[in-house]
Amino acid sequence: MKKHSDQYRDSVFCLLFSNPDKLRRLYNALTGSSYGEDTPVAITTLKNALSLSLRNDISFTIGGKTVVLIEHQSTINPNMPLRLLLYIASIYEKIIPHRDLYSSRKLKIPRPEFYLFYNGSSVFPDRTVLKLSESFEKIQGNAKPNLELKVTAYNINAGHNKALLEKSHDLGEYARFVAVVREKETSGQSEDEREEAFRLAIIDCIEHNILREFFETYGEEVMKSLLSITREEFIQIRMDEAREDGLAQGRKEGLKEFHQEKLESARKMKAWGDPVKKIADVTGLSPRVIKKL
């Protein structure tokens, strides 16, 4: 499950690379190609694909012949090849007219490429390849599977893949930004404190010329959009946490603190305009207590 601070970083990543010129430069840095400004780039990123929790970070076609999917992760997810399989199927469905599937001539479709950028705190190699075939059930004879999908994963933390981060100025600046956010964060922070740490990180980056132009343009928009982006995810997180941690917390002396967290959740949902009944269902608080907030 992602912390909100991770969602903040993910959202900056997606917004930063929503520009065709930046995507073209990033792809050139990844592959050693030399596509110029005249090479067309069409963004195909899926919005709310499959479900709210499964939408891809970045996808685009370049030159009309290649479709590129890029994911950003701050936690290690061994199921990324499977997720990207679902994404690429949705993207092909989006860019290929349905009637053409029944044509008597063979279709030419953009060749897919898959990349992952990792910047979490766990140990992760500089470069590795994640394979869909590693998730398949083993069968007798150990025959090679008829379906494969390979994801090239890069560690973009400080001290890793220096050459790549130098080739892609935008990616290098983003990696520096994540390092600043990590410096501002401390364990045990409340959601409001993590949000404030993120704001301070943006200010710090502007002062030190890290993604300065981007944050001067989009800094306020990033903070505003994050609050709405994470709303439903926030509710789901609180429901999951209540199920997973409720019994354990009830046995500890921290029961009062746990109650305060539920009150904080209720206040946020009330500010969003959610009805009292829904807030009660999510937090477990009584309608009487919620109305008094």
Protein backbone atom coordinates (compact mmCIF):
# COMPACT_ATOMS: atom_id res chain seq x y z
CA MET A 1 0.00 0.00 0.00
CA LYS A 2 1.42 3.41 -0.91
CA LYS A 3 1.89 6.13 1.65
CA HIS A 4 0.59 9.54 0.62
CA SER A 5 4.16 10.86 0.41
CA ASP A 6 4.81 8.21 -2.24
CA GLN A 7 1.68 9.32 -4.09
CA TYR A 8 2.95 12.91 -4.01
CA ARG A 9 6.18 11.83 -5.70
CA ASP A 10 4.32 9.68 -8.23
CA SER A 11 2.06 12.60 -9.15
CA VAL A 12 5.02 14.94 -9.67
CA PHE A 13 6.64 12.29 -11.88
CA CYS A 14 3.53 11.91 -14.05
CA LEU A 15 2.97 15.65 -14.37
CA LEU A 16 6.63 16.36 -15.10
CA PHE A 17 6.69 13.86 -17.96
CA SER A 18 3.33 14.82 -19.46
CA ASN A 19 5.20 16.96 -21.99
CA PRO A 20 6.02 15.41 -25.41
CA ASP A 21 9.42 17.15 -25.60
CA LYS A 22 10.44 15.77 -22.21
CA LEU A 23 9.26 12.29 -23.20
CA ARG A 24 11.25 12.45 -26.43
CA ARG A 25 14.41 13.44 -24.56
CA LEU A 26 13.84 10.76 -21.93
CA TYR A 27 13.38 8.06 -24.56
CA ASN A 28 16.56 9.16 -26.32
CA ALA A 29 18.45 8.89 -23.02
CA LEU A 30 17.04 5.41 -22.35
CA THR A 31 17.69 3.91 -25.77
CA GLY A 32 20.54 5.95 -27.24
CA SER A 33 18.27 7.05 -30.09
CA SER A 34 18.37 10.55 -31.54
CA TYR A 35 14.76 11.48 -32.26
CA GLY A 36 14.46 15.19 -32.99
CA GLU A 37 11.75 17.75 -32.38
CA ASP A 38 10.06 16.80 -35.64
CA THR A 39 9.39 13.25 -34.39
CA PRO A 40 5.74 12.98 -33.35
CA VAL A 41 4.93 11.93 -29.79
CA ALA A 42 1.36 11.03 -28.82
CA ILE A 43 0.52 10.52 -25.15
CA THR A 44 -1.63 7.43 -24.54
CA THR A 45 -1.62 7.33 -20.74
CA LEU A 46 -4.65 5.53 -19.37
CA LYS A 47 -6.91 7.29 -16.89
CA ASN A 48 -8.70 5.09 -14.38
CA ALA A 49 -7.80 2.00 -16.37
CA LEU A 50 -9.45 -1.18 -15.12
CA SER A 51 -10.07 0.32 -11.68
CA LEU A 52 -9.14 3.36 -9.61
CA SER A 53 -6.07 1.59 -8.22
CA LEU A 54 -4.83 0.38 -11.63
CA ARG A 55 -4.01 3.30 -13.88
CA ASN A 56 -0.67 3.53 -15.58
CA ASP A 57 1.86 6.30 -15.01
CA ILE A 58 3.06 7.20 -18.51
CA SER A 59 2.56 5.77 -21.97
CA PHE A 60 3.18 7.31 -25.37
CA THR A 61 3.90 6.47 -28.98
CA ILE A 62 6.99 7.89 -30.63
CA GLY A 63 7.41 8.08 -34.37
CA GLY A 64 4.19 6.10 -34.75
CA LYS A 65 6.17 2.84 -34.55
CA THR A 66 6.87 2.37 -30.85
CA VAL A 67 4.57 2.50 -27.84
CA VAL A 68 6.45 3.12 -24.59
CA LEU A 69 5.14 2.40 -21.10
CA ILE A 70 6.99 3.84 -18.10
CA GLU A 71 6.14 3.13 -14.49
CA HIS A 72 7.54 4.77 -11.37
CA GLN A 73 7.77 2.79 -8.13
CA SER A 74 8.92 3.62 -4.61
CA THR A 75 8.14 0.09 -3.40
CA ILE A 76 9.30 -3.13 -5.02
CA ASN A 77 6.42 -4.76 -6.87
CA PRO A 78 7.15 -8.17 -8.46
CA ASN A 79 3.79 -8.05 -10.26
CA MET A 80 4.69 -5.09 -12.46
CA PRO A 81 5.04 -7.22 -15.65
CA LEU A 82 1.49 -8.51 -15.14
CA ARG A 83 0.16 -5.00 -14.57
CA LEU A 84 1.91 -3.76 -17.70
CA LEU A 85 0.38 -6.63 -19.68
CA LEU A 86 -3.06 -5.32 -18.71
CA TYR A 87 -2.03 -1.76 -19.53
CA ILE A 88 -0.65 -2.53 -22.98
CA ALA A 89 -3.78 -4.50 -23.88
CA SER A 90 -5.91 -1.47 -22.94
CA ILE A 91 -3.66 0.88 -24.87
CA TYR A 92 -3.80 -1.24 -28.03
CA GLU A 93 -7.57 -1.32 -27.67
CA LYS A 94 -7.48 2.46 -27.40
CA ILE A 95 -5.27 3.20 -30.42
CA ILE A 96 -6.38 0.45 -32.84
CA PRO A 97 -9.86 0.81 -34.39
CA HIS A 98 -11.94 -2.19 -33.38
CA ARG A 99 -13.15 -2.86 -36.92
CA ASP A 100 -9.54 -3.21 -38.13
CA LEU A 101 -9.14 -6.36 -36.03
CA TYR A 102 -11.40 -8.17 -38.51
CA SER A 103 -9.53 -6.97 -41.58
CA SER A 104 -8.16 -9.54 -44.03
CA ARG A 105 -4.77 -7.78 -44.07
CA LYS A 106 -2.21 -8.11 -41.31
CA LEU A 107 -2.13 -5.06 -39.05
CA LYS A 108 1.07 -3.23 -38.27
CA ILE A 109 1.03 -2.13 -34.63
CA PRO A 110 3.49 -0.08 -32.59
CA ARG A 111 6.17 -2.19 -30.94
CA PRO A 112 5.87 -2.10 -27.13
CA GLU A 113 8.70 -1.22 -24.75
CA PHE A 114 8.43 -1.31 -20.96
CA TYR A 115 10.48 0.60 -18.39
CA LEU A 116 10.40 0.99 -14.62
CA PHE A 117 12.10 3.66 -12.49
CA TYR A 118 12.65 2.73 -8.85
CA ASN A 119 13.49 5.26 -6.13
CA GLY A 120 12.48 3.57 -2.88
CA SER A 121 14.65 3.00 0.16
CA SER A 122 15.07 -0.80 -0.21
CA VAL A 123 18.09 -2.41 -1.85
CA PHE A 124 17.58 -2.58 -5.61
CA PRO A 125 20.08 -3.24 -8.44
CA ASP A 126 21.18 -0.51 -10.83
CA ARG A 127 19.48 -2.30 -13.70
CA THR A 128 17.45 -5.49 -13.87
CA VAL A 129 14.87 -7.11 -16.12
CA LEU A 130 11.53 -8.24 -14.70
CA LYS A 131 9.82 -11.02 -16.66
CA LEU A 132 6.18 -12.00 -16.85
CA SER A 133 7.20 -15.65 -17.37
CA GLU A 134 8.56 -15.74 -13.81
CA SER A 135 4.97 -15.49 -12.56
CA PHE A 136 3.60 -18.43 -14.54
CA GLU A 137 2.74 -21.70 -12.83
CA LYS A 138 5.29 -24.42 -13.54
CA ILE A 139 4.05 -27.34 -15.64
CA GLN A 140 5.41 -30.74 -16.58
CA GLY A 141 8.15 -30.62 -19.16
CA ASN A 142 9.03 -27.04 -18.13
CA ALA A 143 8.13 -25.81 -21.63
CA LYS A 144 8.78 -22.14 -22.39
CA PRO A 145 5.63 -20.05 -22.08
CA ASN A 146 3.97 -18.73 -25.22
CA LEU A 147 3.63 -15.28 -23.68
CA GLU A 148 6.42 -13.06 -22.38
CA LEU A 149 6.76 -9.44 -21.31
CA LYS A 150 10.03 -7.91 -20.16
CA VAL A 151 10.35 -4.75 -18.09
CA THR A 152 13.71 -3.00 -17.88
CA ALA A 153 13.98 -1.53 -14.38
CA TYR A 154 16.41 1.21 -13.32
CA ASN A 155 17.33 2.38 -9.84
CA ILE A 156 17.34 6.20 -9.97
CA ASN A 157 18.40 6.84 -6.39
CA ALA A 158 21.55 8.86 -5.70
CA GLY A 159 24.67 6.91 -6.64
CA HIS A 160 22.89 4.75 -9.20
CA ASN A 161 22.76 5.01 -13.02
CA LYS A 162 24.70 8.25 -13.08
CA ALA A 163 25.12 8.14 -16.87
CA LEU A 164 21.37 7.82 -17.47
CA LEU A 165 20.52 10.65 -15.05
CA GLU A 166 23.08 12.88 -16.75
CA LYS A 167 21.69 12.10 -20.20
CA SER A 168 18.14 12.86 -19.08
CA HIS A 169 18.29 16.19 -17.28
CA ASP A 170 14.61 15.97 -16.28
CA LEU A 171 14.99 12.50 -14.78
CA GLY A 172 18.13 13.58 -12.95
CA GLU A 173 16.36 16.61 -11.49
CA TYR A 174 13.43 14.45 -10.44
CA ALA A 175 15.80 12.05 -8.64
CA ARG A 176 17.31 15.02 -6.77
CA PHE A 177 13.81 16.19 -5.81
CA VAL A 178 12.97 12.77 -4.34
CA ALA A 179 16.17 12.93 -2.28
CA VAL A 180 15.06 16.31 -0.87
CA VAL A 181 11.61 14.94 0.00
CA ARG A 182 13.23 12.02 1.80
CA GLU A 183 15.36 14.44 3.84
CA LYS A 184 12.23 16.33 4.95
CA GLU A 185 10.33 13.21 5.96
CA THR A 186 10.60 11.59 9.37
CA SER A 187 8.99 8.45 10.73
CA GLY A 188 5.77 8.83 12.66
CA GLN A 189 4.62 11.95 10.81
CA SER A 190 0.91 12.62 10.56
CA GLU A 191 -0.69 13.14 7.16
CA ASP A 192 -0.68 16.92 7.66
CA GLU A 193 3.00 16.82 8.64
CA ARG A 194 3.89 14.76 5.57
CA GLU A 195 1.98 17.19 3.40
CA GLU A 196 3.87 20.09 4.97
CA ALA A 197 7.18 18.25 4.44
CA PHE A 198 6.29 17.92 0.78
CA ARG A 199 5.56 21.66 0.55
CA LEU A 200 8.89 22.46 2.19
CA ALA A 201 10.66 20.15 -0.26
CA ILE A 202 9.15 22.07 -3.19
CA ILE A 203 10.32 25.39 -1.71
CA ASP A 204 13.79 23.95 -1.08
CA CYS A 205 14.02 22.67 -4.66
CA ILE A 206 13.05 26.07 -6.08
CA GLU A 207 15.71 27.76 -3.95
CA HIS A 208 18.36 25.28 -5.09
CA ASN A 209 17.31 25.32 -8.76
CA ILE A 210 15.97 21.74 -8.75
CA LEU A 211 13.00 21.49 -11.13
CA ARG A 212 12.65 25.20 -10.47
CA GLU A 213 10.75 26.09 -13.63
CA PHE A 214 8.41 23.13 -13.17
CA PHE A 215 7.53 23.94 -9.55
CA GLU A 216 7.20 27.67 -10.20
CA THR A 217 4.63 26.76 -12.85
CA TYR A 218 2.89 23.77 -11.31
CA GLY A 219 3.75 23.78 -7.59
CA GLU A 220 0.37 25.06 -6.42
CA GLU A 221 -1.48 22.91 -8.95
CA VAL A 222 0.40 19.82 -7.73
CA MET A 223 -0.68 20.37 -4.13
CA LYS A 224 -4.29 21.07 -5.05
CA SER A 225 -4.60 18.13 -7.41
CA LEU A 226 -3.05 15.73 -4.92
CA LEU A 227 -5.83 16.36 -2.43
CA SER A 228 -8.48 15.35 -4.95
CA ILE A 229 -6.46 12.53 -6.49
CA THR A 230 -5.96 10.81 -3.16
CA ARG A 231 -9.50 11.31 -1.81
CA GLU A 232 -10.95 7.91 -2.68
CA GLU A 233 -7.59 6.25 -2.05
CA PHE A 234 -7.50 7.94 1.35
CA ILE A 235 -10.88 6.42 2.25
CA GLN A 236 -9.79 2.98 1.09
CA ILE A 237 -6.52 3.24 3.02
CA ARG A 238 -8.37 4.10 6.21
CA MET A 239 -10.81 1.20 5.74
CA ASP A 240 -7.93 -1.22 5.13
CA GLU A 241 -5.97 0.08 8.09
CA ALA A 242 -9.01 -0.27 10.32
CA ARG A 243 -9.39 -3.91 9.31
CA GLU A 244 -5.70 -4.75 9.54
CA ASP A 245 -4.70 -2.80 12.64
CA GLY A 246 -7.90 -2.31 14.63
CA LEU A 247 -7.57 -5.37 16.86
CA ALA A 248 -3.86 -4.87 17.49
CA GLN A 249 -4.26 -1.20 18.32
CA GLY A 250 -7.20 -1.95 20.59
CA ARG A 251 -4.95 -4.13 22.72
CA LYS A 252 -2.32 -1.43 23.10
CA GLU A 253 -2.15 1.65 25.24
CA GLY A 254 -2.32 3.66 22.06
CA LEU A 255 -6.11 3.31 21.84
CA LYS A 256 -6.52 7.05 22.36
CA GLU A 257 -4.11 7.81 19.50
CA PHE A 258 -6.00 5.38 17.26
CA HIS A 259 -9.25 7.18 18.11
CA GLN A 260 -7.64 10.51 17.21
CA GLU A 261 -6.68 9.12 13.79
CA LYS A 262 -10.31 8.12 13.19
CA LEU A 263 -11.42 11.62 14.20
CA GLU A 264 -8.89 13.11 11.77
CA SER A 265 -10.22 10.88 8.98
CA ALA A 266 -13.80 11.88 9.79
CA ARG A 267 -12.91 15.59 9.74
CA LYS A 268 -11.35 15.26 6.29
CA MET A 269 -14.29 13.33 4.88
CA LYS A 270 -16.72 15.84 6.38
CA ALA A 271 -14.76 18.68 4.78
CA TRP A 272 -15.08 16.86 1.46
CA GLY A 273 -18.87 16.84 1.90
CA ASP A 274 -19.35 13.12 2.50
CA PRO A 275 -22.64 12.18 4.24
CA VAL A 276 -22.54 11.28 7.93
CA LYS A 277 -23.58 7.67 7.28
CA LYS A 278 -20.67 7.08 4.90
CA ILE A 279 -18.21 8.64 7.37
CA ALA A 280 -19.58 6.41 10.13
CA ASP A 281 -19.20 3.30 7.94
CA VAL A 282 -15.57 4.15 7.08
CA THR A 283 -14.34 5.31 10.50
CA GLY A 284 -16.57 3.37 12.89
CA LEU A 285 -17.45 6.57 14.75
CA SER A 286 -21.02 7.25 15.84
CA PRO A 287 -23.13 9.75 13.88
CA ARG A 288 -23.43 11.84 17.07
CA VAL A 289 -19.64 12.23 17.34
CA ILE A 290 -19.30 13.00 13.62
CA LYS A 291 -21.96 15.72 13.73
CA LYS A 292 -20.08 17.47 16.52
CA LEU A 293 -16.82 17.65 14.55
